[in-house]
Amino acid sequence: AGDPGLDGNAGGEMLACAAAGIPFEVVPGVANVVGVPAYAGVPLRDAQGADVRFVDARTASERCWSEVGAS
């Protein structure tokens, strides 16, 4: 589900298919991180255009968490 480019394995899988001569098609979708709030009617930004930050909890560094906490 969602944007295939957000999946860390998508690039490798596409390269492997191409190298093996396996035809494939990339079908983009709506990433869950924006689709779920939209479906629920929850805006990600306010009228002033506040920034939105998405953090991958698996790979985020301590610095990243410090910045998120300070914002």
N, C-alpha and C. Protein backbone atom coordinates (compact mmCIF):
# COMPACT_ATOMS: atom_id res chain seq x y z
N ALA A 1 0.85 -1.20 0.00
CA ALA A 1 0.00 0.00 0.00
C ALA A 1 0.87 1.24 0.00
N GLY A 2 0.40 2.25 -0.62
CA GLY A 2 1.09 3.53 -0.57
C GLY A 2 2.12 3.73 -1.65
N ASP A 3 3.01 4.65 -1.41
CA ASP A 3 4.04 5.04 -2.36
C ASP A 3 5.12 3.97 -2.40
N PRO A 4 5.34 3.31 -3.54
CA PRO A 4 6.34 2.24 -3.59
C PRO A 4 7.75 2.75 -3.33
N GLY A 5 8.00 4.03 -3.55
CA GLY A 5 9.32 4.59 -3.29
C GLY A 5 9.64 4.73 -1.82
N LEU A 6 8.63 4.65 -0.96
CA LEU A 6 8.88 4.75 0.48
C LEU A 6 9.30 3.42 1.09
N ASP A 7 9.12 2.35 0.35
CA ASP A 7 9.53 1.03 0.82
C ASP A 7 11.01 0.86 0.54
N GLY A 8 11.78 0.60 1.56
CA GLY A 8 13.22 0.48 1.41
C GLY A 8 13.67 -0.61 0.45
N ASN A 9 12.83 -1.59 0.19
CA ASN A 9 13.20 -2.69 -0.69
C ASN A 9 12.76 -2.49 -2.14
N ALA A 10 11.97 -1.48 -2.41
CA ALA A 10 11.38 -1.32 -3.75
C ALA A 10 12.45 -1.20 -4.83
N GLY A 11 13.46 -0.39 -4.60
CA GLY A 11 14.51 -0.21 -5.61
C GLY A 11 15.24 -1.50 -5.92
N GLY A 12 15.62 -2.23 -4.90
CA GLY A 12 16.32 -3.50 -5.09
C GLY A 12 15.46 -4.52 -5.80
N GLU A 13 14.19 -4.56 -5.45
CA GLU A 13 13.28 -5.51 -6.10
C GLU A 13 13.09 -5.17 -7.57
N MET A 14 12.98 -3.87 -7.89
CA MET A 14 12.83 -3.48 -9.29
C MET A 14 14.08 -3.81 -10.08
N LEU A 15 15.24 -3.57 -9.50
CA LEU A 15 16.50 -3.90 -10.19
C LEU A 15 16.63 -5.40 -10.41
N ALA A 16 16.25 -6.19 -9.40
CA ALA A 16 16.34 -7.65 -9.53
C ALA A 16 15.41 -8.16 -10.62
N CYS A 17 14.20 -7.63 -10.68
CA CYS A 17 13.26 -8.04 -11.73
C CYS A 17 13.79 -7.67 -13.10
N ALA A 18 14.31 -6.45 -13.23
CA ALA A 18 14.84 -6.01 -14.52
C ALA A 18 16.02 -6.88 -14.94
N ALA A 19 16.91 -7.19 -14.00
CA ALA A 19 18.08 -8.02 -14.32
C ALA A 19 17.68 -9.43 -14.74
N ALA A 20 16.60 -9.94 -14.16
CA ALA A 20 16.14 -11.29 -14.47
C ALA A 20 15.20 -11.32 -15.68
N GLY A 21 14.93 -10.15 -16.25
CA GLY A 21 14.03 -10.09 -17.40
C GLY A 21 12.58 -10.30 -17.05
N ILE A 22 12.24 -10.06 -15.79
CA ILE A 22 10.85 -10.23 -15.35
C ILE A 22 10.12 -8.90 -15.53
N PRO A 23 9.07 -8.88 -16.32
CA PRO A 23 8.34 -7.63 -16.50
C PRO A 23 7.60 -7.25 -15.22
N PHE A 24 7.55 -5.96 -14.95
CA PHE A 24 6.84 -5.47 -13.77
C PHE A 24 6.32 -4.07 -14.06
N GLU A 25 5.43 -3.63 -13.22
CA GLU A 25 4.88 -2.28 -13.33
C GLU A 25 4.80 -1.69 -11.94
N VAL A 26 5.26 -0.47 -11.79
CA VAL A 26 5.16 0.24 -10.52
C VAL A 26 3.84 1.02 -10.54
N VAL A 27 2.99 0.74 -9.58
CA VAL A 27 1.70 1.41 -9.49
C VAL A 27 1.71 2.25 -8.22
N PRO A 28 1.86 3.58 -8.36
CA PRO A 28 1.89 4.42 -7.17
C PRO A 28 0.52 4.53 -6.52
N GLY A 29 0.54 4.75 -5.25
CA GLY A 29 -0.69 4.93 -4.49
C GLY A 29 -0.52 6.07 -3.51
N VAL A 30 -1.38 6.12 -2.57
CA VAL A 30 -1.31 7.14 -1.52
C VAL A 30 -0.66 6.50 -0.31
N ALA A 31 0.40 7.12 0.20
CA ALA A 31 1.08 6.60 1.38
C ALA A 31 0.15 6.62 2.59
N ASN A 32 0.22 5.57 3.39
CA ASN A 32 -0.62 5.49 4.59
C ASN A 32 -0.47 6.70 5.50
N VAL A 33 0.73 7.24 5.55
CA VAL A 33 1.02 8.33 6.47
C VAL A 33 0.20 9.59 6.14
N VAL A 34 -0.23 9.74 4.90
CA VAL A 34 -1.10 10.86 4.55
C VAL A 34 -2.53 10.41 4.25
N GLY A 35 -2.71 9.19 3.81
CA GLY A 35 -4.04 8.70 3.48
C GLY A 35 -4.93 8.50 4.69
N VAL A 36 -4.39 7.95 5.76
CA VAL A 36 -5.19 7.69 6.96
C VAL A 36 -5.70 8.98 7.59
N PRO A 37 -4.84 9.98 7.82
CA PRO A 37 -5.37 11.23 8.37
C PRO A 37 -6.41 11.89 7.44
N ALA A 38 -6.19 11.84 6.14
CA ALA A 38 -7.15 12.42 5.20
C ALA A 38 -8.50 11.71 5.30
N TYR A 39 -8.46 10.39 5.36
CA TYR A 39 -9.69 9.60 5.47
C TYR A 39 -10.43 9.93 6.77
N ALA A 40 -9.66 10.16 7.84
CA ALA A 40 -10.25 10.46 9.15
C ALA A 40 -10.66 11.92 9.29
N GLY A 41 -10.33 12.74 8.28
CA GLY A 41 -10.69 14.16 8.36
C GLY A 41 -9.77 14.97 9.24
N VAL A 42 -8.54 14.50 9.43
CA VAL A 42 -7.57 15.18 10.28
C VAL A 42 -6.53 15.86 9.39
N PRO A 43 -6.50 17.20 9.36
CA PRO A 43 -5.51 17.88 8.53
C PRO A 43 -4.11 17.72 9.10
N LEU A 44 -3.12 17.60 8.22
CA LEU A 44 -1.74 17.49 8.68
C LEU A 44 -1.11 18.86 8.89
N ARG A 45 -1.70 19.88 8.30
CA ARG A 45 -1.17 21.25 8.44
C ARG A 45 -2.31 22.17 8.83
N ASP A 46 -1.95 23.27 9.49
CA ASP A 46 -2.97 24.26 9.82
C ASP A 46 -2.98 25.36 8.76
N ALA A 47 -3.81 26.36 8.95
CA ALA A 47 -3.96 27.44 7.97
C ALA A 47 -2.67 28.24 7.79
N GLN A 48 -1.81 28.25 8.79
CA GLN A 48 -0.54 28.97 8.70
C GLN A 48 0.52 28.17 7.94
N GLY A 49 0.21 26.95 7.58
CA GLY A 49 1.15 26.15 6.80
C GLY A 49 2.29 25.58 7.61
N ALA A 50 2.02 25.17 8.84
CA ALA A 50 3.07 24.60 9.69
C ALA A 50 3.70 23.39 9.00
N ASP A 51 4.97 23.16 9.27
CA ASP A 51 5.69 22.04 8.68
C ASP A 51 5.21 20.71 9.27
N VAL A 52 5.34 19.68 8.48
CA VAL A 52 5.03 18.32 8.90
C VAL A 52 6.30 17.50 8.73
N ARG A 53 6.63 16.70 9.72
CA ARG A 53 7.83 15.86 9.65
C ARG A 53 7.43 14.41 9.86
N PHE A 54 7.92 13.54 8.98
CA PHE A 54 7.71 12.11 9.12
C PHE A 54 9.02 11.49 9.55
N VAL A 55 8.97 10.69 10.60
CA VAL A 55 10.18 10.07 11.15
C VAL A 55 10.03 8.56 11.08
N ASP A 56 11.04 7.91 10.53
CA ASP A 56 11.08 6.45 10.52
C ASP A 56 11.67 6.01 11.85
N ALA A 57 10.84 5.49 12.71
CA ALA A 57 11.27 5.13 14.06
C ALA A 57 12.34 4.05 14.07
N ARG A 58 12.43 3.28 12.99
CA ARG A 58 13.43 2.20 12.94
C ARG A 58 14.83 2.73 12.74
N THR A 59 14.97 3.86 12.05
CA THR A 59 16.30 4.33 11.68
C THR A 59 16.62 5.74 12.17
N ALA A 60 15.74 6.35 12.92
CA ALA A 60 15.96 7.73 13.36
C ALA A 60 17.11 7.80 14.37
N SER A 61 17.92 8.82 14.23
CA SER A 61 19.05 9.01 15.15
C SER A 61 18.59 9.79 16.39
N GLU A 62 19.44 9.83 17.39
CA GLU A 62 19.14 10.59 18.60
C GLU A 62 18.93 12.06 18.27
N ARG A 63 19.73 12.59 17.34
CA ARG A 63 19.58 13.99 16.94
C ARG A 63 18.19 14.25 16.38
N CYS A 64 17.72 13.33 15.56
CA CYS A 64 16.40 13.47 14.97
C CYS A 64 15.33 13.54 16.05
N TRP A 65 15.41 12.64 17.03
CA TRP A 65 14.41 12.64 18.10
C TRP A 65 14.50 13.90 18.93
N SER A 66 15.70 14.43 19.13
CA SER A 66 15.86 15.69 19.87
C SER A 66 15.19 16.83 19.13
N GLU A 67 15.36 16.86 17.81
CA GLU A 67 14.74 17.91 17.00
C GLU A 67 13.22 17.79 17.01
N VAL A 68 12.71 16.57 16.95
CA VAL A 68 11.27 16.37 16.98
C VAL A 68 10.71 16.83 18.33
N GLY A 69 11.40 16.50 19.40
CA GLY A 69 10.95 16.90 20.72
C GLY A 69 10.97 18.40 20.93
N ALA A 70 11.88 19.08 20.26
CA ALA A 70 12.00 20.52 20.42
C ALA A 70 11.00 21.28 19.55
N SER A 71 10.41 20.61 18.59
CA SER A 71 9.51 21.33 17.68
C SER A 71 8.10 21.41 18.22
